[in-house]
Protein backbone atom coordinates (compact mmCIF):
# COMPACT_ATOMS: atom_id res chain seq x y z
CA MET A 1 0.00 -129.00 -31.52
CA GLU A 2 -1.22 -131.97 -29.53
CA VAL A 3 0.10 -130.37 -26.34
CA LEU A 4 -1.52 -127.10 -27.16
CA ALA A 5 -4.86 -128.86 -27.95
CA ARG A 6 -4.66 -130.66 -24.56
CA LEU A 7 -4.00 -127.46 -22.64
CA LEU A 8 -6.81 -125.66 -24.45
CA GLY A 9 -9.04 -128.54 -23.50
CA LEU A 10 -7.99 -128.07 -19.85
CA LEU A 11 -8.84 -124.35 -20.13
CA ALA A 12 -12.20 -125.28 -21.60
CA LEU A 13 -12.95 -127.60 -18.62
CA LEU A 14 -11.93 -124.81 -16.23
CA LEU A 15 -14.37 -122.39 -17.95
CA VAL A 16 -17.09 -125.09 -17.97
CA GLY A 17 -16.66 -125.38 -14.16
CA THR A 18 -16.90 -121.59 -13.82
CA GLY A 19 -19.99 -121.52 -16.06
CA LEU A 20 -21.68 -124.27 -14.07
CA ARG A 21 -21.12 -122.29 -10.91
CA PHE A 22 -22.61 -119.08 -12.42
CA SER A 23 -25.56 -121.06 -13.72
CA GLY A 24 -26.17 -122.61 -10.32
CA VAL A 25 -25.61 -126.21 -11.47
CA LEU A 26 -22.49 -126.43 -9.35
CA ASP A 27 -23.74 -124.74 -6.20
CA ALA A 28 -21.66 -124.85 -2.97
CA ALA A 29 -22.97 -128.25 -1.86
CA ARG A 30 -22.39 -129.96 -5.26
CA THR A 31 -18.95 -128.35 -5.62
CA GLN A 32 -18.06 -129.66 -2.14
CA ARG A 33 -19.13 -133.18 -3.13
CA LEU A 34 -17.19 -133.00 -6.36
CA ASN A 35 -14.12 -131.83 -4.39
CA ALA A 36 -14.51 -134.77 -2.02
CA LEU A 37 -14.62 -137.11 -4.96
CA ALA A 38 -11.40 -135.66 -6.36
CA TYR A 39 -9.65 -135.34 -2.97
CA TYR A 40 -10.61 -138.66 -1.42
CA VAL A 41 -11.04 -140.95 -4.48
CA ALA A 42 -9.66 -139.89 -7.87
CA LEU A 43 -6.32 -138.24 -6.86
CA PRO A 44 -5.38 -140.91 -4.31
CA ALA A 45 -6.15 -143.56 -7.00
CA LEU A 46 -3.87 -141.78 -9.43
CA VAL A 47 -1.06 -141.49 -6.87
CA PHE A 48 -1.24 -145.14 -5.91
CA VAL A 49 -1.26 -146.60 -9.46
CA SER A 50 1.74 -144.38 -10.31
CA THR A 51 3.82 -145.59 -7.40
CA TYR A 52 2.83 -149.04 -6.21
CA ASP A 53 5.31 -150.88 -8.51
CA ARG A 54 8.30 -148.64 -7.90
CA ALA A 55 10.73 -148.52 -4.95
CA ILE A 56 11.16 -145.20 -3.17
CA GLY A 57 14.88 -145.14 -3.94
CA GLU A 58 14.08 -145.18 -7.64
CA LEU A 59 11.96 -142.07 -7.38
CA LEU A 60 13.24 -139.90 -4.50
CA THR A 61 16.91 -138.94 -4.72
CA ALA A 62 18.87 -136.52 -2.58
CA ASP A 63 19.25 -134.21 -5.56
CA LEU A 64 15.46 -134.17 -6.16
CA PHE A 65 14.77 -133.44 -2.48
CA VAL A 66 17.40 -130.66 -2.23
CA GLY A 67 16.36 -129.18 -5.53
CA LEU A 68 12.67 -128.92 -4.62
CA LEU A 69 13.17 -127.37 -1.26
CA SER A 70 15.76 -124.96 -2.70
CA VAL A 71 13.29 -123.75 -5.35
CA VAL A 72 10.35 -123.36 -2.92
CA PHE A 73 12.31 -121.35 -0.40
CA ALA A 74 14.17 -119.28 -3.04
CA THR A 75 10.87 -118.39 -4.66
CA ALA A 76 9.45 -117.41 -1.25
CA GLY A 77 12.54 -115.24 -0.71
CA VAL A 78 12.04 -113.48 -4.03
CA ALA A 79 8.40 -112.90 -3.23
CA TRP A 80 9.28 -111.45 0.16
CA LEU A 81 11.77 -108.97 -1.53
CA LEU A 82 9.04 -107.93 -4.04
CA HIS A 83 6.27 -107.45 -1.48
CA ARG A 84 8.07 -106.55 1.77
CA SER A 85 7.07 -102.88 1.47
CA ARG A 86 3.44 -103.53 0.66
CA GLY A 87 1.32 -101.65 3.10
CA ARG A 88 -1.57 -103.91 3.96
CA SER A 89 -0.48 -107.02 5.84
CA GLY A 90 -3.29 -109.13 4.56
CA ARG A 91 -2.37 -108.41 0.97
CA GLN A 92 1.36 -108.72 1.57
CA SER A 93 1.08 -112.14 3.16
CA VAL A 94 -1.14 -113.47 0.40
CA ALA A 95 1.10 -112.10 -2.34
CA ILE A 96 4.18 -113.91 -0.78
CA VAL A 97 2.25 -117.16 -0.29
CA GLN A 98 0.66 -117.27 -3.75
CA SER A 99 4.08 -116.76 -5.44
CA TYR A 100 5.32 -120.17 -4.36
CA HIS A 101 2.32 -122.23 -3.37
CA SER A 102 1.71 -124.51 -6.39
CA ASN A 103 -1.35 -126.34 -7.56
CA LEU A 104 0.28 -129.78 -7.54
CA GLY A 105 -2.65 -132.01 -6.82
CA TYR A 106 -5.58 -130.59 -8.73
CA LEU A 107 -3.55 -129.57 -11.81
CA GLY A 108 0.07 -130.61 -11.76
CA LEU A 109 -0.03 -134.38 -11.21
CA PRO A 110 -3.15 -135.03 -13.37
CA LEU A 111 -1.56 -132.94 -16.18
CA VAL A 112 1.71 -134.85 -15.96
CA ALA A 113 -0.16 -138.18 -15.97
CA ALA A 114 -2.05 -137.12 -19.13
CA THR A 115 1.04 -135.88 -20.90
CA PHE A 116 4.09 -137.99 -19.94
CA ASP A 117 5.00 -141.66 -19.31
CA ALA A 118 4.55 -143.68 -16.17
CA ARG A 119 8.02 -142.97 -14.70
CA VAL A 120 7.57 -139.23 -14.98
CA THR A 121 4.13 -139.52 -13.36
CA ALA A 122 5.57 -141.57 -10.48
CA ILE A 123 8.28 -138.96 -9.82
CA ALA A 124 5.65 -136.20 -10.05
CA SER A 125 3.77 -138.00 -7.30
CA VAL A 126 6.80 -137.79 -5.12
CA VAL A 127 7.26 -134.13 -6.07
CA LEU A 128 3.76 -133.52 -4.88
CA GLY A 129 4.49 -135.11 -1.48
CA VAL A 130 7.83 -133.39 -0.91
CA VAL A 131 6.68 -129.91 -1.95
CA SER A 132 3.37 -130.20 -0.07
CA LEU A 133 5.22 -131.02 3.16
CA ALA A 134 7.25 -127.84 2.66
CA GLN A 135 4.83 -125.34 1.20
CA ILE A 136 1.81 -125.97 3.47
CA PRO A 137 3.67 -125.35 6.82
CA LEU A 138 5.51 -122.40 5.21
CA THR A 139 2.15 -120.88 4.13
CA ILE A 140 0.76 -121.25 7.59
CA VAL A 141 3.82 -119.64 9.15
CA VAL A 142 3.84 -116.71 6.67
CA LEU A 143 0.18 -115.92 7.05
CA THR A 144 0.09 -116.24 10.86
CA THR A 145 3.28 -114.29 11.33
CA ILE A 146 2.53 -111.33 9.02
CA ASN A 147 -1.14 -111.14 9.90
CA GLU A 148 -0.60 -111.84 13.57
CA ALA A 149 -3.34 -114.41 13.29
CA ASP A 150 -4.27 -116.65 16.16
CA ALA A 151 -4.26 -119.98 14.33
CA PRO A 152 -4.24 -123.49 15.77
CA ILE A 153 -1.12 -124.54 13.99
CA ALA A 154 -1.22 -128.04 15.48
CA GLU A 155 -4.71 -128.44 13.95
CA GLU A 156 -3.53 -127.17 10.54
CA LEU A 157 -0.51 -129.55 10.57
CA GLY A 158 -2.85 -132.31 11.62
CA ARG A 159 -4.81 -131.82 8.44
CA LEU A 160 -1.59 -132.29 6.50
CA VAL A 161 -0.86 -135.60 8.28
CA ARG A 162 -4.40 -136.79 7.48
CA ASN A 163 -4.22 -135.77 3.83
CA PRO A 164 -5.50 -138.75 1.83
CA VAL A 165 -3.29 -137.99 -1.19
CA LEU A 166 -0.12 -137.98 0.92
CA ALA A 167 -1.26 -141.10 2.80
CA THR A 168 -1.83 -142.88 -0.47
CA LEU A 169 1.61 -141.79 -1.70
CA VAL A 170 3.20 -143.35 1.41
CA ALA A 171 1.22 -146.48 0.90
CA GLY A 172 2.09 -146.78 -2.78
CA LEU A 173 5.82 -146.26 -2.11
CA ALA A 174 5.68 -148.79 0.76
CA VAL A 175 4.09 -151.41 -1.50
CA GLY A 176 6.65 -150.70 -4.26
CA SER A 177 9.59 -150.72 -1.95
CA LEU A 178 8.57 -153.99 -0.27
CA GLY A 179 7.82 -155.66 -3.62
CA LEU A 180 4.31 -156.56 -2.64
CA SER A 181 1.90 -157.65 -5.34
CA VAL A 182 -1.41 -155.95 -6.06
CA PRO A 183 -4.24 -157.78 -7.66
CA GLY A 184 -4.75 -156.86 -11.36
CA PRO A 185 -8.47 -156.08 -11.07
CA LEU A 186 -7.77 -153.60 -8.27
CA THR A 187 -5.09 -151.76 -10.24
CA ALA A 188 -7.36 -151.70 -13.32
CA GLY A 189 -10.15 -150.18 -11.30
CA LEU A 190 -7.82 -147.61 -9.72
CA ASP A 191 -6.56 -146.72 -13.20
CA VAL A 192 -10.06 -145.84 -14.27
CA LEU A 193 -10.54 -143.73 -11.17
CA GLY A 194 -7.19 -142.05 -11.69
CA ALA A 195 -8.12 -141.14 -15.24
CA LEU A 196 -11.04 -139.15 -13.79
CA ALA A 197 -8.75 -137.06 -11.58
CA LEU A 198 -7.96 -134.34 -14.17
CA PRO A 199 -11.48 -133.59 -15.45
CA ILE A 200 -12.99 -133.67 -11.95
CA ALA A 201 -10.25 -131.52 -10.48
CA LEU A 202 -10.49 -128.94 -13.31
CA LEU A 203 -14.21 -128.63 -12.83
CA CYS A 204 -13.65 -128.12 -9.10
CA VAL A 205 -10.93 -125.45 -9.79
CA GLY A 206 -13.16 -123.74 -12.33
CA ALA A 207 -16.10 -123.65 -9.95
CA SER A 208 -13.83 -122.10 -7.31
CA LEU A 209 -12.44 -119.30 -9.51
CA GLN A 210 -13.76 -115.84 -8.75
CA ILE A 211 -12.72 -112.46 -10.00
CA ASP A 212 -13.57 -108.98 -8.77
CA LEU A 213 -12.19 -106.58 -11.47
CA PRO A 214 -12.88 -103.23 -9.66
CA ASN A 215 -10.46 -104.28 -6.94
CA VAL A 216 -7.58 -105.36 -9.15
CA ASP A 217 -4.16 -104.29 -7.84
CA VAL A 218 -2.24 -104.48 -11.12
CA GLY A 219 1.23 -104.18 -9.58
CA ALA A 220 0.74 -106.74 -6.82
CA SER A 221 -1.17 -109.26 -8.92
CA GLY A 222 1.25 -108.82 -11.83
CA ALA A 223 4.19 -109.60 -9.48
CA VAL A 224 2.44 -112.68 -8.18
CA VAL A 225 1.68 -114.01 -11.66
CA ALA A 226 5.28 -113.28 -12.86
CA THR A 227 6.85 -114.98 -9.82
CA LYS A 228 4.57 -118.04 -9.80
CA ILE A 229 4.52 -119.02 -13.41
CA ALA A 230 7.80 -117.46 -14.73
CA ILE A 231 10.38 -116.99 -11.98
CA MET A 232 9.63 -120.22 -10.07
CA PRO A 233 10.00 -122.53 -13.07
CA ALA A 234 13.03 -120.55 -14.18
CA LEU A 235 14.66 -121.17 -10.74
CA ALA A 236 13.69 -124.84 -11.02
CA TRP A 237 15.23 -125.07 -14.45
CA ALA A 238 18.43 -123.53 -13.17
CA ALA A 239 18.53 -125.66 -10.04
CA PHE A 240 17.86 -129.01 -11.69
CA SER A 241 20.23 -128.21 -14.56
CA VAL A 242 23.04 -128.00 -12.01
CA LEU A 243 21.96 -131.11 -10.00
CA SER A 244 22.55 -134.66 -11.21
CA VAL A 245 19.04 -135.69 -12.15
CA ASP A 246 17.85 -137.78 -15.02
CA ALA A 247 15.47 -136.59 -17.74
CA ALA A 248 12.33 -137.96 -16.10
CA THR A 249 13.12 -136.27 -12.78
CA PHE A 250 13.94 -133.01 -14.56
CA THR A 251 10.69 -133.12 -16.51
CA ALA A 252 8.55 -133.90 -13.50
CA ALA A 253 10.11 -131.17 -11.30
CA ILE A 254 9.93 -128.45 -13.96
CA VAL A 255 6.30 -129.02 -14.93
CA MET A 256 5.04 -129.54 -11.36
CA LEU A 257 6.76 -126.33 -10.13
CA GLY A 258 5.46 -124.44 -13.21
CA THR A 259 1.83 -124.94 -12.22
CA PRO A 260 -0.36 -121.95 -11.10
CA THR A 261 -1.22 -120.91 -7.56
CA ALA A 262 -3.25 -123.52 -5.67
CA VAL A 263 -6.92 -122.79 -4.92
CA SER A 264 -6.23 -123.80 -1.29
CA THR A 265 -4.33 -120.53 -0.82
CA TYR A 266 -7.68 -118.76 -0.92
CA VAL A 267 -8.86 -121.03 1.91
CA PHE A 268 -5.75 -120.36 3.95
CA ALA A 269 -6.07 -116.63 3.35
CA ASN A 270 -9.68 -116.66 4.46
CA GLU A 271 -8.83 -118.63 7.64
CA LEU A 272 -5.58 -116.86 8.63
CA GLY A 273 -6.24 -113.11 8.06
CA GLY A 274 -5.23 -112.72 4.41
CA ASP A 275 -7.00 -110.63 1.78
CA GLU A 276 -9.30 -113.30 0.29
CA GLU A 277 -10.59 -111.26 -2.63
CA PHE A 278 -6.99 -110.59 -3.67
CA ALA A 279 -6.22 -114.30 -3.22
CA SER A 280 -9.17 -115.39 -5.34
CA LEU A 281 -8.15 -113.00 -8.13
CA ASN A 282 -4.56 -114.25 -8.19
CA VAL A 283 -5.71 -117.93 -8.39
CA PHE A 284 -7.78 -116.98 -11.50
CA LEU A 285 -4.99 -114.96 -13.11
CA THR A 286 -2.19 -117.51 -12.54
CA THR A 287 -4.42 -120.34 -13.70
CA LEU A 288 -5.37 -118.51 -16.88
CA ALA A 289 -1.79 -117.45 -17.71
CA SER A 290 -0.34 -120.84 -16.98
CA VAL A 291 -2.01 -122.34 -20.01
CA GLY A 292 0.55 -120.48 -22.14
CA THR A 293 3.54 -121.00 -19.82
CA LEU A 294 2.82 -124.68 -19.28
CA PHE A 295 2.69 -125.13 -23.08
CA VAL A 296 6.18 -123.66 -23.33
CA LEU A 297 7.54 -125.71 -20.42
CA ILE A 298 6.08 -128.97 -21.69
CA ARG A 299 7.45 -128.42 -25.20
CA ALA A 300 10.79 -127.42 -23.71
CA VAL A 301 11.21 -130.45 -21.52
CA GLY A 302 9.51 -132.85 -23.92
């Protein structure tokens, strides 16, 4: 019941964020500032405090790396099979991307940190890094190829290199691997900032959720929801059950890959010729449905 109460609390925060947007409290400028606080401060702080005292070899194994990439590309393959005959390229490309592109930073890692112990959180930080380095370039390639969009791929990849969360992950793993000491007051302060990551991120996600019911494509959206929050974690469960990973690695991988579609897919769709209304709807639907599926996953691995 504690897990269910926590997830219902997350849903409440999402709805609060949506309500604040509709009421005008979280307008575009304020939402952007709140996003910046999460992206540049709270999430990097959470990543650093989870990894600075652990060597990279303790967290990133060959089995974890292979398993994560296998699940991401296998899910993308399933999505392509489901949507290959969809008529509109803008909708087809978004449906494929949103079937595998997970909300690892704004929901996955903060949720793991609030639910599991420090080792699981540290591995989840590594999962965030590995999967982000795979899913972001893949998303750019899928959208630009299917939509024949003229996108500055080098610029998009440059954003990935400059991502503060990934940069902090590298810094934390470097400090842990080299055995460097970090002053206690600094880690205490970062702990406080990291604890703010989940509520701030959820308010941001809630303020970004939009839904246009008259334009719902039940078949396409239903396939995206089923693939993202059911098929993808099922593939992860199968893959990591075969691979030689410990319980903490298994838990981190399953929960992180079971998260809903990332809000950033809406941004990518808008920039690279995708159907942005369809993208926005699917972010909302997968996020809402994931409250139930994440409860099942957390109970199952816990």
